[in-house]
Protein backbone atom coordinates (compact mmCIF):
# COMPACT_ATOMS: atom_id res chain seq x y z
CA MET A 1 94.95 8.52 219.29
CA THR A 2 93.86 5.30 217.76
CA ARG A 3 95.44 4.35 214.48
CA ASP A 4 91.37 4.14 213.39
CA ALA A 5 91.60 7.93 214.15
CA ARG A 6 94.40 8.59 212.60
CA ARG A 7 92.91 6.93 209.30
CA ASP A 8 89.36 8.63 209.78
CA THR A 9 91.37 12.47 209.78
CA SER A 10 94.18 11.57 206.59
CA PRO A 11 93.45 13.46 203.31
CA ARG A 12 93.37 9.73 201.86
CA ALA A 13 90.10 9.65 204.01
CA ARG A 14 88.63 13.41 202.98
CA ARG A 15 86.14 12.98 200.56
CA PRO A 16 87.67 14.63 197.10
CA TRP A 17 86.55 17.82 196.85
CA VAL A 18 88.94 19.33 194.60
CA LEU A 19 88.27 15.96 192.07
CA ILE A 20 84.66 16.46 192.16
CA SER A 21 84.99 20.71 191.67
CA SER A 22 87.03 19.65 188.91
CA ALA A 23 84.58 17.55 187.08
CA VAL A 24 81.99 19.59 187.68
CA LEU A 25 84.03 22.47 185.93
CA VAL A 26 85.33 20.64 183.19
CA ALA A 27 81.16 19.68 182.84
CA GLY A 28 80.35 23.29 182.68
CA LEU A 29 83.00 24.47 180.92
CA LEU A 30 81.99 21.75 178.03
CA ALA A 31 78.22 22.60 178.01
CA PHE A 32 78.12 25.82 178.53
CA HIS A 33 81.30 26.83 176.61
CA SER A 34 79.48 29.86 174.91
CA ALA A 35 79.03 31.75 178.58
CA VAL A 36 82.57 32.33 178.68
CA PRO A 37 83.73 35.38 177.84
CA ASN A 38 85.58 36.88 175.32
CA ALA A 39 86.51 40.02 177.18
CA VAL A 40 90.03 39.54 178.18
CA GLY A 41 91.89 37.94 175.23
CA ASN A 42 89.22 35.84 173.53
CA VAL A 43 89.37 33.13 176.18
CA GLY A 44 86.04 31.88 175.23
CA SER A 45 87.30 31.34 171.34
CA LEU A 46 89.82 29.87 172.50
CA LEU A 47 88.44 27.19 174.90
CA GLU A 48 86.09 26.88 171.67
CA THR A 49 88.73 25.98 169.08
CA PHE A 50 90.23 23.13 170.95
CA LEU A 51 86.98 22.10 173.29
CA PRO A 52 86.90 18.26 171.77
CA TRP A 53 90.49 18.55 173.71
CA LEU A 54 88.64 18.65 177.08
CA GLY A 55 87.50 14.92 176.65
CA LEU A 56 91.80 14.05 177.73
CA VAL A 57 91.17 16.31 180.65
CA VAL A 58 87.82 13.82 181.43
CA VAL A 59 89.80 10.46 180.76
CA ALA A 60 92.62 11.91 183.49
CA LEU A 61 90.15 12.35 185.92
CA LEU A 62 88.67 9.07 185.55
CA VAL A 63 91.91 7.86 186.23
CA LEU A 64 92.40 9.48 188.97
CA ALA A 65 88.68 8.76 190.46
CA SER A 66 89.54 5.23 189.97
CA SER A 67 92.77 4.84 191.79
CA ARG A 68 91.28 6.82 194.76
CA ARG A 69 88.10 4.31 194.69
CA SER A 70 85.79 6.80 195.87
CA ALA A 71 82.16 6.30 194.29
CA ILE A 72 81.52 9.74 194.92
CA ALA A 73 84.29 10.84 192.45
CA LEU A 74 83.65 8.42 189.93
CA THR A 75 79.74 9.93 189.87
CA ALA A 76 81.04 13.47 189.56
CA VAL A 77 83.78 12.41 186.74
CA ALA A 78 80.42 10.57 185.31
CA LEU A 79 79.03 14.45 184.64
CA PRO A 80 81.59 15.65 182.15
CA ALA A 81 82.25 12.16 180.46
CA THR A 82 78.23 12.35 180.11
CA VAL A 83 78.79 15.82 178.39
CA TRP A 84 81.29 15.38 176.69
CA VAL A 85 79.35 12.18 174.48
CA ILE A 86 76.69 13.54 174.24
CA MET A 87 78.65 16.70 172.14
CA PHE A 88 81.08 14.32 170.31
CA GLY A 89 79.75 11.07 170.30
CA THR A 90 79.06 11.21 166.59
CA SER A 91 82.56 11.93 166.09
CA VAL A 92 83.49 9.18 167.81
CA PHE A 93 81.65 6.95 165.99
CA PRO A 94 81.41 8.62 162.61
CA GLY A 95 78.67 7.34 159.64
CA SER A 96 76.38 7.89 162.43
CA VAL A 97 74.95 11.90 161.89
CA ILE A 98 72.49 10.61 159.17
CA ALA A 99 69.84 8.56 161.22
CA GLY A 100 68.02 5.76 159.25
CA GLY A 101 70.65 5.40 157.15
CA PRO A 102 71.55 7.07 153.42
CA GLU A 103 69.11 9.26 152.02
CA PRO A 104 67.72 9.12 148.40
CA GLY A 105 68.76 11.45 145.83
CA PRO A 106 72.26 12.89 143.45
CA THR A 107 75.29 13.60 144.85
CA LEU A 108 77.70 15.72 144.98
CA THR A 109 81.38 14.92 146.17
CA VAL A 110 83.05 18.14 147.30
CA LEU A 111 87.05 18.93 148.19
CA GLN A 112 88.54 21.91 150.20
CA HIS A 113 92.42 22.19 150.67
CA ASN A 114 94.58 25.26 151.42
CA VAL A 115 97.69 24.07 149.74
CA ALA A 116 100.03 26.64 151.60
CA ASP A 117 101.84 29.66 149.76
CA ASP A 118 105.10 27.66 150.76
CA ASN A 119 104.14 24.45 149.57
CA ALA A 120 107.62 23.16 148.09
CA ASP A 121 105.91 20.63 146.03
CA PRO A 122 102.19 22.19 144.44
CA GLY A 123 102.54 19.30 141.16
CA GLY A 124 102.54 16.40 144.22
CA THR A 125 99.73 18.14 145.56
CA ALA A 126 97.68 19.20 142.63
CA ARG A 127 98.10 15.67 140.97
CA ALA A 128 97.19 14.39 144.35
CA LEU A 129 93.57 16.09 144.43
CA ALA A 130 93.00 15.71 140.92
CA GLY A 131 92.28 11.75 141.82
CA ALA A 132 91.08 12.43 144.51
CA GLY A 133 86.95 12.34 142.81
CA ALA A 134 86.01 15.46 143.86
CA ASP A 135 82.96 16.82 141.55
CA LEU A 136 84.42 20.69 142.98
CA ILE A 137 88.17 21.55 144.39
CA ALA A 138 88.14 24.60 146.65
CA LEU A 139 91.84 26.11 146.93
CA GLN A 140 93.30 28.72 149.00
CA GLU A 141 96.64 30.09 149.00
CA LEU A 142 96.93 29.77 145.75
CA THR A 143 100.52 31.50 144.12
CA PRO A 144 100.81 32.95 140.51
CA GLN A 145 104.01 30.77 140.16
CA ALA A 146 101.78 27.61 141.51
CA LEU A 147 98.80 28.49 139.79
CA PRO A 148 99.41 27.26 136.55
CA VAL A 149 100.72 23.61 138.24
CA TYR A 150 97.32 23.81 139.54
CA GLU A 151 95.72 24.41 136.22
CA ALA A 152 97.99 22.07 134.34
CA ALA A 153 96.76 19.12 136.73
CA LEU A 154 93.44 19.92 137.48
CA ALA A 155 91.98 20.79 134.21
CA PRO A 156 92.34 17.65 132.18
CA GLU A 157 88.76 15.97 135.02
CA HIS A 158 87.87 19.63 136.24
CA PRO A 159 87.76 21.96 133.60
CA HIS A 160 85.43 24.71 134.49
CA ARG A 161 87.21 27.13 136.85
CA VAL A 162 87.33 30.30 139.00
CA VAL A 163 90.04 31.71 140.48
CA VAL A 164 89.91 35.40 142.44
CA GLY A 165 93.34 36.48 144.29
CA THR A 166 94.52 33.66 146.27
CA VAL A 167 91.24 31.25 145.85
CA GLY A 168 89.84 29.38 143.37
CA LEU A 169 87.55 26.71 142.29
CA TRP A 170 87.54 24.00 139.89
CA SER A 171 84.74 21.87 138.62
CA ARG A 172 83.63 18.94 136.46
CA LEU A 173 80.74 20.87 136.06
CA PRO A 174 80.16 24.07 134.24
CA LEU A 175 80.50 26.76 136.05
CA ALA A 176 79.18 30.61 135.65
CA ASP A 177 78.53 33.76 137.25
CA GLY A 178 81.87 33.62 138.78
CA ARG A 179 82.84 37.07 141.09
CA PRO A 180 84.76 38.27 144.09
CA VAL A 181 83.08 38.45 147.14
CA ALA A 182 83.98 41.38 149.46
CA ILE A 183 85.46 39.48 152.69
CA LYS A 184 88.49 41.78 153.31
CA PRO A 185 88.62 43.76 157.13
CA GLN A 186 88.53 47.19 156.72
CA ASP A 187 91.85 47.60 158.28
CA VAL A 188 94.21 45.59 155.73
CA THR A 189 95.22 48.26 153.57
CA ALA A 190 97.21 45.65 151.03
CA ASP A 191 95.79 43.75 147.60
CA TRP A 192 93.54 41.07 149.40
CA ASN A 193 91.36 38.78 147.59
CA ARG A 194 90.63 35.43 149.19
CA GLY A 195 86.54 35.03 148.47
CA LEU A 196 84.83 34.44 145.76
CA ARG A 197 81.67 33.27 144.34
CA ALA A 198 80.15 30.71 141.34
CA THR A 199 77.00 29.42 139.99
CA VAL A 200 77.09 25.14 139.76
CA ARG A 201 75.23 23.90 136.60
CA THR A 202 74.10 20.37 138.20
CA PRO A 203 71.57 18.16 135.76
CA VAL A 204 69.29 19.17 139.15
CA GLY A 205 69.53 22.56 139.16
CA ASP A 206 71.79 25.39 140.43
CA ILE A 207 73.84 25.34 143.20
CA ALA A 208 76.01 28.60 144.50
CA ALA A 209 79.63 27.52 145.89
CA TYR A 210 81.46 30.01 148.15
CA VAL A 211 85.06 29.66 148.36
CA ALA A 212 86.63 31.70 151.19
CA HIS A 213 90.10 32.13 153.21
CA LEU A 214 89.31 33.85 156.10
CA PRO A 215 92.44 36.06 157.88
CA SER A 216 94.68 33.84 160.36
CA VAL A 217 94.44 34.19 164.09
CA ARG A 218 97.57 34.57 166.68
CA LEU A 219 97.83 33.60 170.11
CA ARG A 220 100.32 36.17 171.41
CA PRO A 221 101.06 36.97 175.20
CA GLN A 222 99.95 40.87 175.09
CA ASP A 223 96.53 40.43 173.90
CA GLY A 224 95.72 36.59 173.82
CA PHE A 225 93.43 34.91 171.12
CA GLY A 226 93.51 37.46 168.20
CA THR A 227 90.66 36.73 166.25
CA ALA A 228 89.45 40.27 165.52
CA TRP A 229 90.07 40.12 162.08
CA ARG A 230 88.63 36.50 161.52
CA ASP A 231 85.51 37.60 163.11
CA GLU A 232 84.82 40.00 160.96
CA SER A 233 85.73 38.33 157.88
CA ALA A 234 83.36 35.52 159.00
CA ALA A 235 80.36 38.32 159.31
CA ALA A 236 81.04 39.90 155.70
CA LEU A 237 81.15 36.50 154.61
CA ALA A 238 77.83 35.22 156.51
CA THR A 239 76.21 38.61 155.11
CA ALA A 240 76.63 37.39 151.47
CA VAL A 241 75.74 34.33 152.19
CA ALA A 242 72.34 35.46 153.70
CA ALA A 243 71.48 38.10 150.61
CA GLU A 244 71.98 34.73 148.29
CA LYS A 245 69.27 33.99 145.79
CA LEU A 246 70.09 30.27 145.20
CA GLU A 247 68.30 27.96 147.72
CA ARG A 248 71.11 25.45 147.48
CA ILE A 249 74.63 26.50 148.97
CA VAL A 250 78.05 25.02 149.61
CA LEU A 251 80.77 26.66 151.37
CA LEU A 252 84.61 25.56 151.21
CA GLY A 253 86.94 27.65 152.93
CA ASP A 254 89.75 27.67 155.83
CA LEU A 255 88.27 29.09 157.46
CA ASN A 256 90.71 29.75 160.58
CA GLY A 257 88.32 28.47 163.51
CA THR A 258 86.44 25.48 164.71
CA VAL A 259 82.34 25.23 164.68
CA HIS A 260 82.69 25.36 168.34
CA ASP A 261 83.93 29.29 167.67
CA ARG A 262 81.71 31.66 168.12
CA GLY A 263 83.60 34.06 165.41
CA LEU A 264 81.99 31.37 162.67
CA SER A 265 78.88 31.57 164.42
CA PRO A 266 77.29 34.01 161.67
CA LEU A 267 78.32 31.05 159.01
CA THR A 268 76.89 28.32 160.92
CA SER A 269 73.85 29.41 162.00
CA LEU A 270 72.99 29.72 158.19
CA LEU A 271 74.85 26.63 156.81
CA ALA A 272 75.24 22.97 158.38
CA PRO A 273 78.80 22.08 158.45
CA ALA A 274 79.60 18.87 157.36
CA LEU A 275 81.11 17.13 160.76
CA ASP A 276 80.97 13.24 160.34
CA GLY A 277 83.87 12.59 162.57
CA PHE A 278 86.68 15.01 164.12
CA GLY A 279 88.49 15.26 160.66
CA PHE A 280 91.02 17.50 162.43
CA THR A 281 92.92 19.57 159.28
CA TRP A 282 95.70 21.25 161.29
CA PRO A 283 98.44 21.29 161.61
CA ALA A 284 98.97 18.39 159.29
CA ALA A 285 101.78 16.72 161.17
CA PHE A 286 99.78 16.75 164.42
CA PRO A 287 96.37 17.70 163.79
CA LEU A 288 94.70 19.45 166.64
CA ALA A 289 91.68 20.95 165.38
CA ARG A 290 89.14 21.44 162.24
CA ILE A 291 89.65 24.68 160.82
CA ASP A 292 89.15 23.74 157.31
CA HIS A 293 85.45 23.58 156.60
CA ILE A 294 82.48 22.29 154.18
CA MET A 295 79.09 23.72 154.79
CA ALA A 296 75.87 23.39 153.14
CA ARG A 297 72.29 24.77 152.65
CA GLY A 298 69.75 22.94 150.69
CA ALA A 299 72.22 19.63 150.52
CA THR A 300 72.96 17.42 153.16
CA PRO A 301 76.28 16.16 154.16
CA ALA A 302 76.52 12.46 154.05
CA THR A 303 79.82 11.98 154.84
CA THR A 304 83.28 13.57 155.21
CA TRP A 305 86.56 12.62 155.30
CA THR A 306 90.31 13.68 155.00
CA LEU A 307 93.04 13.10 152.47
CA PRO A 308 96.71 11.79 153.31
CA ALA A 309 99.18 14.85 153.74
CA THR A 310 100.50 16.98 151.21
CA GLY A 311 103.16 19.41 150.99
CA SER A 312 100.86 21.65 152.54
CA ASP A 313 100.79 22.25 156.50
CA HIS A 314 96.70 21.46 155.71
CA LEU A 315 95.29 18.02 155.38
CA PRO A 316 92.76 18.37 152.22
CA THR A 317 89.01 17.49 153.70
CA ALA A 318 86.46 16.12 151.38
CA ALA A 319 82.30 15.35 151.73
CA THR A 320 79.74 13.68 150.20
CA LEU A 321 76.31 16.19 149.84
CA ARG A 322 73.34 14.59 149.21
CA LEU A 323 71.15 17.49 147.01
CA ARG A 324 67.85 18.21 147.77
CA LEU A 325 65.73 18.05 144.45
CA GLN A 326 63.68 21.50 144.26
């Protein structure tokens, strides 16, 4: 057998079908993630939680295709790369959410933070939040011991507040009609109050503000990605939001899920999430997912950013909302 014949039949000379198949699979997972079933271990929701990180797989495929110097492999990898850019390009280049520049109108700056019930420095966290320049500050995992610390630090600039259970809302603007929102899953028997609603009196009209902390999710070998309580709570919160009579709504919460996760679709179908940049908020030491959210109706999320880490395992997240005039 000649040397040329041996070269023609070697593995290196074969078309890189594995690489091409992998590229097509990644493109399919990105574009059709909602088609991945949750029937076994909620694998669909697990995929959607970390969907942006498939970009690393695309980069790895690109490196492999380049190393093979295969035109067909590079062409195949261009498919998932294009899909990823379409889905997450505005996150790579934050500030491009609103085409044509900022819209006119009044603004409201809001801040969301799960302060962690085991926070060893609630005073430092409270001072950092108080100085962030927000009009509204929503907190979760408030404990009876730490609540007076937050009240003392936030009250000078945010004298109006509503606290229900372990969630609270502080405001520069007057608040009215503060009340609990029932989002507790049916199987939870403990005393559990993690939702509230209040009316924010702004110079251009009232806004309904919701603060929520949805149940945590767990990844266990025996039953996969456990989201049942989170999904049930999200549906209950969506029911309350759908029944809201005020046109303008802002939701601030630790929702324990990303906007791509189908478990939050009852909420994302009603409200526009603030998504300027990736804005990963958890875990604070190395953020992997944006599970703390600011969503709105009757207001346009203009810019979004995260604040430096506090004593919590979550990063604070903030947004400027442009209010639609009624």
